[in-house]
Amino acid sequence: MRIEGILLLALLPLAGVGCDEGGPPPTAGALPDTADQVLYGVAHNVTIDGVLRIRLEADTIYFYEAAQTAEMLGVVVQFYTPEGVLTSTVRSREGTYQWRSGDMEARGDVVARTPDQRVLTTEVLRFSRAREEISGPEAFVFDGPDGHLEGDGFTSDPDFRNVLTERPRRGRVRDTDSGVS
């Protein structure tokens, strides 16, 4: 018992080594100072009539109560059918979720993928919950089993069966009822 006490006294001066008492931790200085809440390592499920419709994961979420929005970093969103079947997964560096409308926007290295390997890449992707529609105002590339499409701006259903653009740049589509145009 006496040896333990001596060891404790010998180690006490080292307890503060490496601590910077001159300011906040490095992560606290980078946080937006107006967020009402900040959460790390978040997973959130949105259900409709008890069925999973959207699963949202984020490394960091900043909640803003007055604006009813959440700004997110390191975002993964999964969309499900009314029967609970996965239709697509969207990954991005950051995004915004509107509490009132349920609308979302993904920004930065956005990759959307379906279980049957349809892949859409862009810099901005928006989801309208009311219209059950995904759209993007910027350049995109879409690849699927039925073809390849590149353009500026698009709209699509969440499982990318009907990808439409008014400004195509390049594409090839197999002659099927895929809906890719």
N, C-alpha and C. Protein backbone atom coordinates (compact mmCIF):
# COMPACT_ATOMS: atom_id res chain seq x y z
N MET A 1 0.83 -1.19 0.00
CA MET A 1 0.00 0.00 0.00
C MET A 1 0.87 1.25 0.00
N ARG A 2 1.94 1.21 0.74
CA ARG A 2 2.84 2.35 0.83
C ARG A 2 3.53 2.58 -0.52
N ILE A 3 3.89 1.51 -1.26
CA ILE A 3 4.55 1.64 -2.55
C ILE A 3 3.58 2.27 -3.56
N GLU A 4 2.30 1.89 -3.51
CA GLU A 4 1.31 2.46 -4.42
C GLU A 4 1.17 3.96 -4.19
N GLY A 5 1.17 4.39 -2.96
CA GLY A 5 1.08 5.81 -2.64
C GLY A 5 2.28 6.58 -3.16
N ILE A 6 3.46 6.00 -3.04
CA ILE A 6 4.67 6.65 -3.53
C ILE A 6 4.61 6.76 -5.05
N LEU A 7 4.16 5.69 -5.74
CA LEU A 7 4.05 5.73 -7.20
C LEU A 7 3.04 6.80 -7.64
N LEU A 8 1.93 6.91 -6.93
CA LEU A 8 0.92 7.90 -7.26
C LEU A 8 1.48 9.30 -7.14
N LEU A 9 2.22 9.58 -6.06
CA LEU A 9 2.83 10.90 -5.87
C LEU A 9 3.86 11.18 -6.96
N ALA A 10 4.59 10.15 -7.38
CA ALA A 10 5.60 10.33 -8.41
C ALA A 10 4.96 10.61 -9.78
N LEU A 11 3.78 10.06 -10.03
CA LEU A 11 3.13 10.24 -11.33
C LEU A 11 2.27 11.50 -11.42
N LEU A 12 1.87 12.08 -10.29
CA LEU A 12 1.01 13.27 -10.31
C LEU A 12 1.57 14.42 -11.13
N PRO A 13 2.85 14.74 -11.05
CA PRO A 13 3.36 15.85 -11.87
C PRO A 13 3.20 15.60 -13.37
N LEU A 14 3.12 14.35 -13.81
CA LEU A 14 2.98 14.03 -15.22
C LEU A 14 1.54 14.11 -15.71
N ALA A 15 0.58 14.23 -14.82
CA ALA A 15 -0.84 14.21 -15.19
C ALA A 15 -1.21 15.36 -16.12
N GLY A 16 -0.56 16.50 -16.01
CA GLY A 16 -0.89 17.65 -16.84
C GLY A 16 -0.05 17.76 -18.09
N VAL A 17 0.93 16.89 -18.28
CA VAL A 17 1.80 16.96 -19.44
C VAL A 17 0.98 16.71 -20.70
N GLY A 18 1.15 17.57 -21.72
CA GLY A 18 0.45 17.41 -22.99
C GLY A 18 -0.89 18.12 -23.02
N CYS A 19 -1.37 18.65 -21.91
CA CYS A 19 -2.63 19.37 -21.88
C CYS A 19 -2.38 20.84 -22.14
N ASP A 20 -3.18 21.45 -22.97
CA ASP A 20 -3.07 22.87 -23.26
C ASP A 20 -4.20 23.57 -22.53
N GLU A 21 -3.84 24.29 -21.47
CA GLU A 21 -4.87 24.99 -20.70
C GLU A 21 -5.12 26.37 -21.26
N GLY A 22 -4.49 26.72 -22.37
CA GLY A 22 -4.62 28.05 -22.94
C GLY A 22 -5.81 28.23 -23.84
N GLY A 23 -6.64 27.23 -24.07
CA GLY A 23 -7.77 27.41 -24.97
C GLY A 23 -8.62 26.16 -25.06
N PRO A 24 -9.65 26.22 -25.91
CA PRO A 24 -10.56 25.07 -26.06
C PRO A 24 -9.88 23.94 -26.81
N PRO A 25 -10.44 22.73 -26.73
CA PRO A 25 -9.89 21.63 -27.51
C PRO A 25 -9.92 21.98 -29.00
N PRO A 26 -9.05 21.38 -29.82
CA PRO A 26 -8.98 21.74 -31.24
C PRO A 26 -10.30 21.63 -31.98
N THR A 27 -11.15 20.64 -31.66
CA THR A 27 -12.41 20.49 -32.38
C THR A 27 -13.41 21.57 -32.02
N ALA A 28 -13.37 22.07 -30.79
CA ALA A 28 -14.35 23.07 -30.37
C ALA A 28 -14.16 24.38 -31.12
N GLY A 29 -12.94 24.73 -31.48
CA GLY A 29 -12.69 25.96 -32.20
C GLY A 29 -13.26 25.95 -33.60
N ALA A 30 -13.45 24.77 -34.18
CA ALA A 30 -13.93 24.67 -35.56
C ALA A 30 -15.45 24.58 -35.66
N LEU A 31 -16.15 24.45 -34.55
CA LEU A 31 -17.61 24.30 -34.58
C LEU A 31 -18.29 25.61 -34.89
N PRO A 32 -19.33 25.59 -35.72
CA PRO A 32 -20.11 26.81 -35.93
C PRO A 32 -20.70 27.25 -34.59
N ASP A 33 -20.48 28.49 -34.24
CA ASP A 33 -20.85 28.95 -32.91
C ASP A 33 -22.33 29.22 -32.72
N THR A 34 -23.13 29.06 -33.77
CA THR A 34 -24.56 29.31 -33.61
C THR A 34 -25.40 28.04 -33.53
N ALA A 35 -24.78 26.87 -33.64
CA ALA A 35 -25.54 25.61 -33.58
C ALA A 35 -26.14 25.45 -32.19
N ASP A 36 -27.41 25.01 -32.15
CA ASP A 36 -28.07 24.76 -30.87
C ASP A 36 -27.59 23.45 -30.25
N GLN A 37 -27.27 22.48 -31.10
CA GLN A 37 -26.77 21.19 -30.63
C GLN A 37 -25.76 20.67 -31.65
N VAL A 38 -24.77 19.94 -31.16
CA VAL A 38 -23.80 19.28 -32.03
C VAL A 38 -23.75 17.82 -31.60
N LEU A 39 -23.94 16.92 -32.56
CA LEU A 39 -23.92 15.49 -32.28
C LEU A 39 -22.87 14.81 -33.15
N TYR A 40 -22.24 13.78 -32.60
CA TYR A 40 -21.21 13.04 -33.32
C TYR A 40 -21.64 11.59 -33.46
N GLY A 41 -21.30 10.97 -34.61
CA GLY A 41 -21.60 9.56 -34.83
C GLY A 41 -23.08 9.27 -34.76
N VAL A 42 -23.88 9.95 -35.58
CA VAL A 42 -25.34 9.88 -35.50
C VAL A 42 -25.91 8.89 -36.52
N ALA A 43 -26.93 8.16 -36.11
CA ALA A 43 -27.75 7.33 -36.99
C ALA A 43 -29.20 7.65 -36.66
N HIS A 44 -29.99 8.00 -37.69
CA HIS A 44 -31.39 8.41 -37.49
C HIS A 44 -32.27 7.71 -38.51
N ASN A 45 -33.36 7.09 -38.07
CA ASN A 45 -34.29 6.41 -38.95
C ASN A 45 -35.56 7.24 -39.09
N VAL A 46 -36.03 7.41 -40.33
CA VAL A 46 -37.30 8.08 -40.60
C VAL A 46 -38.28 7.00 -41.03
N THR A 47 -39.38 6.89 -40.29
CA THR A 47 -40.39 5.89 -40.63
C THR A 47 -41.69 6.58 -41.03
N ILE A 48 -42.43 5.93 -41.88
CA ILE A 48 -43.77 6.39 -42.26
C ILE A 48 -44.69 5.20 -42.06
N ASP A 49 -45.70 5.39 -41.23
CA ASP A 49 -46.64 4.31 -40.89
C ASP A 49 -45.89 3.08 -40.37
N GLY A 50 -44.85 3.32 -39.60
CA GLY A 50 -44.10 2.24 -38.97
C GLY A 50 -43.12 1.51 -39.87
N VAL A 51 -42.94 1.98 -41.12
CA VAL A 51 -42.02 1.32 -42.05
C VAL A 51 -40.82 2.23 -42.29
N LEU A 52 -39.62 1.68 -42.21
CA LEU A 52 -38.40 2.43 -42.45
C LEU A 52 -38.40 2.97 -43.87
N ARG A 53 -38.25 4.29 -44.02
CA ARG A 53 -38.23 4.92 -45.35
C ARG A 53 -36.88 5.56 -45.64
N ILE A 54 -36.23 6.11 -44.61
CA ILE A 54 -34.93 6.75 -44.79
C ILE A 54 -34.07 6.45 -43.56
N ARG A 55 -32.82 6.10 -43.80
CA ARG A 55 -31.84 5.95 -42.71
C ARG A 55 -30.73 6.95 -42.99
N LEU A 56 -30.47 7.80 -42.02
CA LEU A 56 -29.47 8.84 -42.15
C LEU A 56 -28.35 8.58 -41.16
N GLU A 57 -27.12 8.61 -41.64
CA GLU A 57 -25.94 8.51 -40.77
C GLU A 57 -25.05 9.69 -41.08
N ALA A 58 -24.40 10.24 -40.04
CA ALA A 58 -23.48 11.36 -40.23
C ALA A 58 -22.41 11.32 -39.17
N ASP A 59 -21.21 11.72 -39.56
CA ASP A 59 -20.12 11.83 -38.59
C ASP A 59 -20.42 12.93 -37.58
N THR A 60 -20.93 14.07 -38.08
CA THR A 60 -21.25 15.23 -37.23
C THR A 60 -22.52 15.88 -37.75
N ILE A 61 -23.39 16.29 -36.82
CA ILE A 61 -24.60 17.05 -37.19
C ILE A 61 -24.69 18.28 -36.31
N TYR A 62 -24.91 19.44 -36.95
CA TYR A 62 -25.13 20.70 -36.27
C TYR A 62 -26.62 21.02 -36.41
N PHE A 63 -27.35 21.08 -35.30
CA PHE A 63 -28.78 21.37 -35.31
C PHE A 63 -29.02 22.87 -35.09
N TYR A 64 -29.90 23.45 -35.92
CA TYR A 64 -30.29 24.85 -35.80
C TYR A 64 -31.80 24.89 -35.64
N GLU A 65 -32.25 25.09 -34.40
CA GLU A 65 -33.69 25.01 -34.11
C GLU A 65 -34.50 26.09 -34.80
N ALA A 66 -34.04 27.35 -34.79
CA ALA A 66 -34.82 28.44 -35.38
C ALA A 66 -35.06 28.21 -36.88
N ALA A 67 -34.05 27.73 -37.59
CA ALA A 67 -34.18 27.49 -39.03
C ALA A 67 -34.76 26.11 -39.33
N GLN A 68 -34.90 25.26 -38.30
CA GLN A 68 -35.40 23.90 -38.47
C GLN A 68 -34.57 23.12 -39.48
N THR A 69 -33.24 23.27 -39.40
CA THR A 69 -32.34 22.56 -40.30
C THR A 69 -31.23 21.86 -39.51
N ALA A 70 -30.61 20.93 -40.17
CA ALA A 70 -29.44 20.25 -39.63
C ALA A 70 -28.37 20.24 -40.72
N GLU A 71 -27.19 20.71 -40.40
CA GLU A 71 -26.05 20.64 -41.32
C GLU A 71 -25.23 19.43 -40.91
N MET A 72 -24.82 18.63 -41.89
CA MET A 72 -24.19 17.34 -41.60
C MET A 72 -22.85 17.22 -42.32
N LEU A 73 -21.95 16.47 -41.69
CA LEU A 73 -20.65 16.15 -42.28
C LEU A 73 -20.50 14.64 -42.32
N GLY A 74 -19.88 14.12 -43.39
CA GLY A 74 -19.69 12.67 -43.52
C GLY A 74 -21.02 11.95 -43.58
N VAL A 75 -21.79 12.18 -44.64
CA VAL A 75 -23.19 11.78 -44.73
C VAL A 75 -23.38 10.48 -45.52
N VAL A 76 -24.25 9.60 -45.00
CA VAL A 76 -24.72 8.41 -45.72
C VAL A 76 -26.23 8.36 -45.51
N VAL A 77 -26.99 8.35 -46.64
CA VAL A 77 -28.45 8.29 -46.56
C VAL A 77 -28.92 7.10 -47.38
N GLN A 78 -29.78 6.27 -46.77
CA GLN A 78 -30.37 5.13 -47.47
C GLN A 78 -31.86 5.38 -47.61
N PHE A 79 -32.37 5.16 -48.85
CA PHE A 79 -33.79 5.35 -49.14
C PHE A 79 -34.44 3.98 -49.30
N TYR A 80 -35.68 3.86 -48.80
CA TYR A 80 -36.43 2.60 -48.83
C TYR A 80 -37.80 2.81 -49.45
N THR A 81 -38.36 1.76 -50.05
CA THR A 81 -39.71 1.80 -50.63
C THR A 81 -40.74 1.82 -49.50
N PRO A 82 -42.02 2.06 -49.82
CA PRO A 82 -43.06 1.98 -48.80
C PRO A 82 -43.16 0.59 -48.15
N GLU A 83 -42.58 -0.42 -48.79
CA GLU A 83 -42.56 -1.78 -48.22
C GLU A 83 -41.30 -2.03 -47.40
N GLY A 84 -40.38 -1.05 -47.34
CA GLY A 84 -39.16 -1.20 -46.56
C GLY A 84 -38.00 -1.82 -47.29
N VAL A 85 -38.01 -1.83 -48.63
CA VAL A 85 -36.93 -2.40 -49.41
C VAL A 85 -35.96 -1.29 -49.82
N LEU A 86 -34.66 -1.51 -49.63
CA LEU A 86 -33.64 -0.53 -49.97
C LEU A 86 -33.67 -0.21 -51.46
N THR A 87 -33.74 1.10 -51.81
CA THR A 87 -33.72 1.50 -53.22
C THR A 87 -32.41 2.16 -53.61
N SER A 88 -31.80 2.94 -52.71
CA SER A 88 -30.54 3.59 -53.05
C SER A 88 -29.83 4.08 -51.79
N THR A 89 -28.51 4.25 -51.95
CA THR A 89 -27.67 4.78 -50.88
C THR A 89 -26.89 5.96 -51.45
N VAL A 90 -26.91 7.07 -50.73
CA VAL A 90 -26.22 8.29 -51.16
C VAL A 90 -25.15 8.61 -50.12
N ARG A 91 -23.93 8.87 -50.61
CA ARG A 91 -22.81 9.27 -49.75
C ARG A 91 -22.31 10.64 -50.21
N SER A 92 -21.94 11.49 -49.24
CA SER A 92 -21.40 12.81 -49.58
C SER A 92 -20.55 13.34 -48.43
N ARG A 93 -19.77 14.37 -48.74
CA ARG A 93 -18.95 15.00 -47.70
C ARG A 93 -19.80 15.76 -46.71
N GLU A 94 -20.86 16.41 -47.20
CA GLU A 94 -21.71 17.22 -46.32
C GLU A 94 -23.12 17.27 -46.86
N GLY A 95 -24.03 17.79 -46.05
CA GLY A 95 -25.41 17.89 -46.50
C GLY A 95 -26.27 18.70 -45.54
N THR A 96 -27.50 18.94 -45.96
CA THR A 96 -28.48 19.70 -45.17
C THR A 96 -29.77 18.90 -45.12
N TYR A 97 -30.39 18.86 -43.95
CA TYR A 97 -31.69 18.21 -43.77
C TYR A 97 -32.67 19.25 -43.26
N GLN A 98 -33.81 19.41 -43.94
CA GLN A 98 -34.87 20.35 -43.54
C GLN A 98 -35.90 19.59 -42.73
N TRP A 99 -36.03 19.89 -41.43
CA TRP A 99 -36.95 19.17 -40.56
C TRP A 99 -38.39 19.26 -41.03
N ARG A 100 -38.85 20.46 -41.38
CA ARG A 100 -40.26 20.66 -41.71
C ARG A 100 -40.70 19.87 -42.93
N SER A 101 -39.91 19.95 -43.99
CA SER A 101 -40.31 19.32 -45.26
C SER A 101 -39.79 17.90 -45.42
N GLY A 102 -38.71 17.55 -44.71
CA GLY A 102 -38.07 16.26 -44.91
C GLY A 102 -37.16 16.23 -46.12
N ASP A 103 -36.94 17.40 -46.74
CA ASP A 103 -36.06 17.49 -47.90
C ASP A 103 -34.60 17.44 -47.45
N MET A 104 -33.75 16.94 -48.34
CA MET A 104 -32.32 16.83 -48.05
C MET A 104 -31.52 17.29 -49.24
N GLU A 105 -30.30 17.76 -48.96
CA GLU A 105 -29.35 18.08 -50.01
C GLU A 105 -28.00 17.51 -49.63
N ALA A 106 -27.37 16.80 -50.56
CA ALA A 106 -26.02 16.25 -50.37
C ALA A 106 -25.07 17.06 -51.23
N ARG A 107 -23.88 17.37 -50.68
CA ARG A 107 -22.91 18.19 -51.40
C ARG A 107 -21.51 17.62 -51.24
N GLY A 108 -20.73 17.70 -52.32
CA GLY A 108 -19.33 17.31 -52.27
C GLY A 108 -19.11 15.83 -52.49
N ASP A 109 -18.55 15.49 -53.65
CA ASP A 109 -18.24 14.09 -53.99
C ASP A 109 -19.43 13.16 -53.74
N VAL A 110 -20.58 13.52 -54.27
CA VAL A 110 -21.80 12.75 -54.06
C VAL A 110 -21.78 11.50 -54.94
N VAL A 111 -22.03 10.35 -54.31
CA VAL A 111 -22.15 9.08 -55.03
C VAL A 111 -23.44 8.42 -54.57
N ALA A 112 -24.33 8.16 -55.53
CA ALA A 112 -25.59 7.48 -55.24
C ALA A 112 -25.56 6.14 -55.95
N ARG A 113 -25.91 5.08 -55.21
CA ARG A 113 -25.81 3.72 -55.75
C ARG A 113 -27.06 2.93 -55.37
N THR A 114 -27.55 2.13 -56.33
CA THR A 114 -28.69 1.25 -56.06
C THR A 114 -28.18 -0.17 -55.84
N PRO A 115 -29.01 -1.05 -55.26
CA PRO A 115 -28.58 -2.45 -55.07
C PRO A 115 -28.23 -3.16 -56.37
N ASP A 116 -28.83 -2.75 -57.51
CA ASP A 116 -28.51 -3.39 -58.79
C ASP A 116 -27.40 -2.65 -59.54
N GLN A 117 -26.60 -1.88 -58.81
CA GLN A 117 -25.38 -1.22 -59.30
C GLN A 117 -25.60 -0.09 -60.30
N ARG A 118 -26.70 0.62 -60.19
CA ARG A 118 -26.84 1.88 -60.92
C ARG A 118 -26.10 2.92 -60.08
N VAL A 119 -25.25 3.71 -60.72
CA VAL A 119 -24.41 4.65 -59.97
C VAL A 119 -24.51 6.04 -60.60
N LEU A 120 -24.78 7.03 -59.78
CA LEU A 120 -24.83 8.41 -60.21
C LEU A 120 -23.84 9.21 -59.37
N THR A 121 -22.97 9.98 -60.03
CA THR A 121 -22.02 10.83 -59.31
C THR A 121 -22.25 12.28 -59.72
N THR A 122 -22.12 13.19 -58.77
CA THR A 122 -22.33 14.61 -59.00
C THR A 122 -21.77 15.37 -57.80
N GLU A 123 -21.87 16.68 -57.82
CA GLU A 123 -21.43 17.50 -56.70
C GLU A 123 -22.59 17.92 -55.79
N VAL A 124 -23.81 17.98 -56.34
CA VAL A 124 -24.99 18.37 -55.55
C VAL A 124 -26.15 17.47 -55.94
N LEU A 125 -26.79 16.89 -54.94
CA LEU A 125 -27.96 16.04 -55.17
C LEU A 125 -29.02 16.44 -54.15
N ARG A 126 -30.24 16.65 -54.62
CA ARG A 126 -31.34 17.06 -53.74
C ARG A 126 -32.43 16.00 -53.74
N PHE A 127 -33.01 15.78 -52.55
CA PHE A 127 -34.13 14.85 -52.42
C PHE A 127 -35.34 15.63 -51.95
N SER A 128 -36.44 15.55 -52.73
CA SER A 128 -37.71 16.16 -52.34
C SER A 128 -38.60 15.05 -51.80
N ARG A 129 -38.90 15.12 -50.53
CA ARG A 129 -39.75 14.09 -49.92
C ARG A 129 -41.17 14.15 -50.47
N ALA A 130 -41.70 15.35 -50.69
CA ALA A 130 -43.08 15.48 -51.18
C ALA A 130 -43.23 14.88 -52.57
N ARG A 131 -42.23 15.05 -53.43
CA ARG A 131 -42.30 14.53 -54.80
C ARG A 131 -41.65 13.16 -54.93
N GLU A 132 -40.97 12.67 -53.86
CA GLU A 132 -40.23 11.40 -53.94
C GLU A 132 -39.32 11.43 -55.17
N GLU A 133 -38.54 12.52 -55.27
CA GLU A 133 -37.72 12.75 -56.45
C GLU A 133 -36.33 13.20 -56.05
N ILE A 134 -35.34 12.75 -56.79
CA ILE A 134 -33.97 13.18 -56.62
C ILE A 134 -33.60 14.03 -57.81
N SER A 135 -32.88 15.13 -57.58
CA SER A 135 -32.48 16.00 -58.67
C SER A 135 -31.12 16.61 -58.37
N GLY A 136 -30.53 17.19 -59.40
CA GLY A 136 -29.25 17.86 -59.23
C GLY A 136 -29.08 18.93 -60.27
N PRO A 137 -28.59 20.11 -59.87
CA PRO A 137 -28.44 21.22 -60.82
C PRO A 137 -27.11 21.22 -61.57
N GLU A 138 -26.19 20.35 -61.18
CA GLU A 138 -24.83 20.40 -61.73
C GLU A 138 -24.53 19.19 -62.62
N ALA A 139 -23.32 19.17 -63.15
CA ALA A 139 -22.88 18.07 -64.01
C ALA A 139 -22.98 16.75 -63.26
N PHE A 140 -23.32 15.69 -64.00
CA PHE A 140 -23.45 14.37 -63.39
C PHE A 140 -23.00 13.31 -64.38
N VAL A 141 -22.71 12.13 -63.84
CA VAL A 141 -22.42 10.94 -64.64
C VAL A 141 -23.27 9.82 -64.08
N PHE A 142 -23.99 9.12 -64.96
CA PHE A 142 -24.83 8.00 -64.54
C PHE A 142 -24.42 6.77 -65.32
N ASP A 143 -24.20 5.67 -64.62
CA ASP A 143 -23.92 4.38 -65.25
C ASP A 143 -24.85 3.34 -64.66
N GLY A 144 -25.42 2.53 -65.54
CA GLY A 144 -26.30 1.47 -65.11
C GLY A 144 -26.24 0.32 -66.08
N PRO A 145 -26.97 -0.75 -65.78
CA PRO A 145 -26.96 -1.92 -66.65
C PRO A 145 -27.47 -1.61 -68.06
N ASP A 146 -28.24 -0.53 -68.21
CA ASP A 146 -28.83 -0.22 -69.50
C ASP A 146 -28.10 0.89 -70.26
N GLY A 147 -27.05 1.48 -69.67
CA GLY A 147 -26.35 2.50 -70.41
C GLY A 147 -25.58 3.48 -69.55
N HIS A 148 -25.08 4.51 -70.23
CA HIS A 148 -24.24 5.55 -69.65
C HIS A 148 -24.82 6.89 -70.07
N LEU A 149 -24.86 7.85 -69.15
CA LEU A 149 -25.40 9.17 -69.46
C LEU A 149 -24.61 10.21 -68.69
N GLU A 150 -24.25 11.30 -69.38
CA GLU A 150 -23.60 12.45 -68.75
C GLU A 150 -24.38 13.68 -69.15
N GLY A 151 -24.48 14.63 -68.25
CA GLY A 151 -25.20 15.85 -68.57
C GLY A 151 -25.04 16.89 -67.49
N ASP A 152 -25.76 18.00 -67.68
CA ASP A 152 -25.77 19.09 -66.72
C ASP A 152 -27.19 19.20 -66.18
N GLY A 153 -27.38 18.76 -64.96
CA GLY A 153 -28.69 18.79 -64.32
C GLY A 153 -29.50 17.55 -64.64
N PHE A 154 -30.23 17.03 -63.64
CA PHE A 154 -31.02 15.81 -63.84
C PHE A 154 -32.15 15.77 -62.83
N THR A 155 -33.13 14.91 -63.10
CA THR A 155 -34.15 14.50 -62.14
C THR A 155 -34.27 12.98 -62.26
N SER A 156 -34.67 12.36 -61.15
CA SER A 156 -34.77 10.90 -61.13
C SER A 156 -35.66 10.45 -59.99
N ASP A 157 -36.16 9.22 -60.12
CA ASP A 157 -36.80 8.57 -58.98
C ASP A 157 -35.68 8.06 -58.07
N PRO A 158 -35.96 7.77 -56.78
CA PRO A 158 -34.91 7.38 -55.86
C PRO A 158 -34.14 6.10 -56.22
N ASP A 159 -34.70 5.24 -57.07
CA ASP A 159 -33.96 4.02 -57.44
C ASP A 159 -33.31 4.14 -58.81
N PHE A 160 -33.28 5.36 -59.38
CA PHE A 160 -32.58 5.67 -60.63
C PHE A 160 -33.02 4.81 -61.81
N ARG A 161 -34.31 4.53 -61.90
CA ARG A 161 -34.83 3.79 -63.06
C ARG A 161 -35.21 4.76 -64.17
N ASN A 162 -35.50 6.02 -63.83
CA ASN A 162 -35.88 7.04 -64.80
C ASN A 162 -35.03 8.29 -64.58
N VAL A 163 -33.84 8.29 -65.12
CA VAL A 163 -32.93 9.43 -65.01
C VAL A 163 -33.13 10.30 -66.24
N LEU A 164 -33.47 11.56 -66.03
CA LEU A 164 -33.76 12.48 -67.13
C LEU A 164 -32.85 13.70 -67.05
N THR A 165 -32.40 14.19 -68.21
CA THR A 165 -31.66 15.43 -68.27
C THR A 165 -32.12 16.22 -69.48
N GLU A 166 -32.15 17.53 -69.34
CA GLU A 166 -32.49 18.38 -70.47
C GLU A 166 -31.23 18.82 -71.20
N ARG A 167 -30.06 18.62 -70.58
CA ARG A 167 -28.81 19.05 -71.18
C ARG A 167 -27.80 17.90 -71.23
N PRO A 168 -28.08 16.85 -72.03
CA PRO A 168 -27.14 15.73 -72.12
C PRO A 168 -25.86 16.16 -72.83
N ARG A 169 -24.74 15.57 -72.40
CA ARG A 169 -23.46 15.82 -73.06
C ARG A 169 -22.98 14.59 -73.81
N ARG A 170 -23.23 13.44 -73.22
CA ARG A 170 -22.78 12.19 -73.84
C ARG A 170 -23.59 11.06 -73.23
N GLY A 171 -23.85 10.03 -74.02
CA GLY A 171 -24.56 8.90 -73.46
C GLY A 171 -24.79 7.80 -74.47
N ARG A 172 -25.07 6.65 -73.95
CA ARG A 172 -25.47 5.52 -74.76
C ARG A 172 -26.47 4.72 -73.95
N VAL A 173 -27.52 4.32 -74.59
CA VAL A 173 -28.58 3.61 -73.90
C VAL A 173 -28.95 2.39 -74.72
N ARG A 174 -29.03 1.27 -74.05
CA ARG A 174 -29.49 0.05 -74.71
C ARG A 174 -30.97 0.18 -75.02
N ASP A 175 -31.45 -0.42 -76.06
CA ASP A 175 -32.85 -0.32 -76.46
C ASP A 175 -33.70 -1.22 -75.57
N THR A 176 -34.05 -0.67 -74.39
CA THR A 176 -34.90 -1.39 -73.43
C THR A 176 -35.88 -0.40 -72.83
N ASP A 177 -36.70 -0.89 -71.95
CA ASP A 177 -37.65 -0.01 -71.24
C ASP A 177 -37.04 0.48 -69.94
N SER A 178 -35.76 0.76 -69.93
CA SER A 178 -35.08 1.14 -68.69
C SER A 178 -35.51 2.50 -68.19
N GLY A 179 -35.95 3.36 -69.07
CA GLY A 179 -36.33 4.70 -68.64
C GLY A 179 -35.17 5.68 -68.71
N VAL A 180 -33.95 5.21 -68.95
CA VAL A 180 -32.82 6.12 -69.07
C VAL A 180 -32.95 6.85 -70.38
N SER A 181 -32.91 8.18 -70.33
CA SER A 181 -33.05 8.96 -71.56
C SER A 181 -32.05 10.08 -71.62
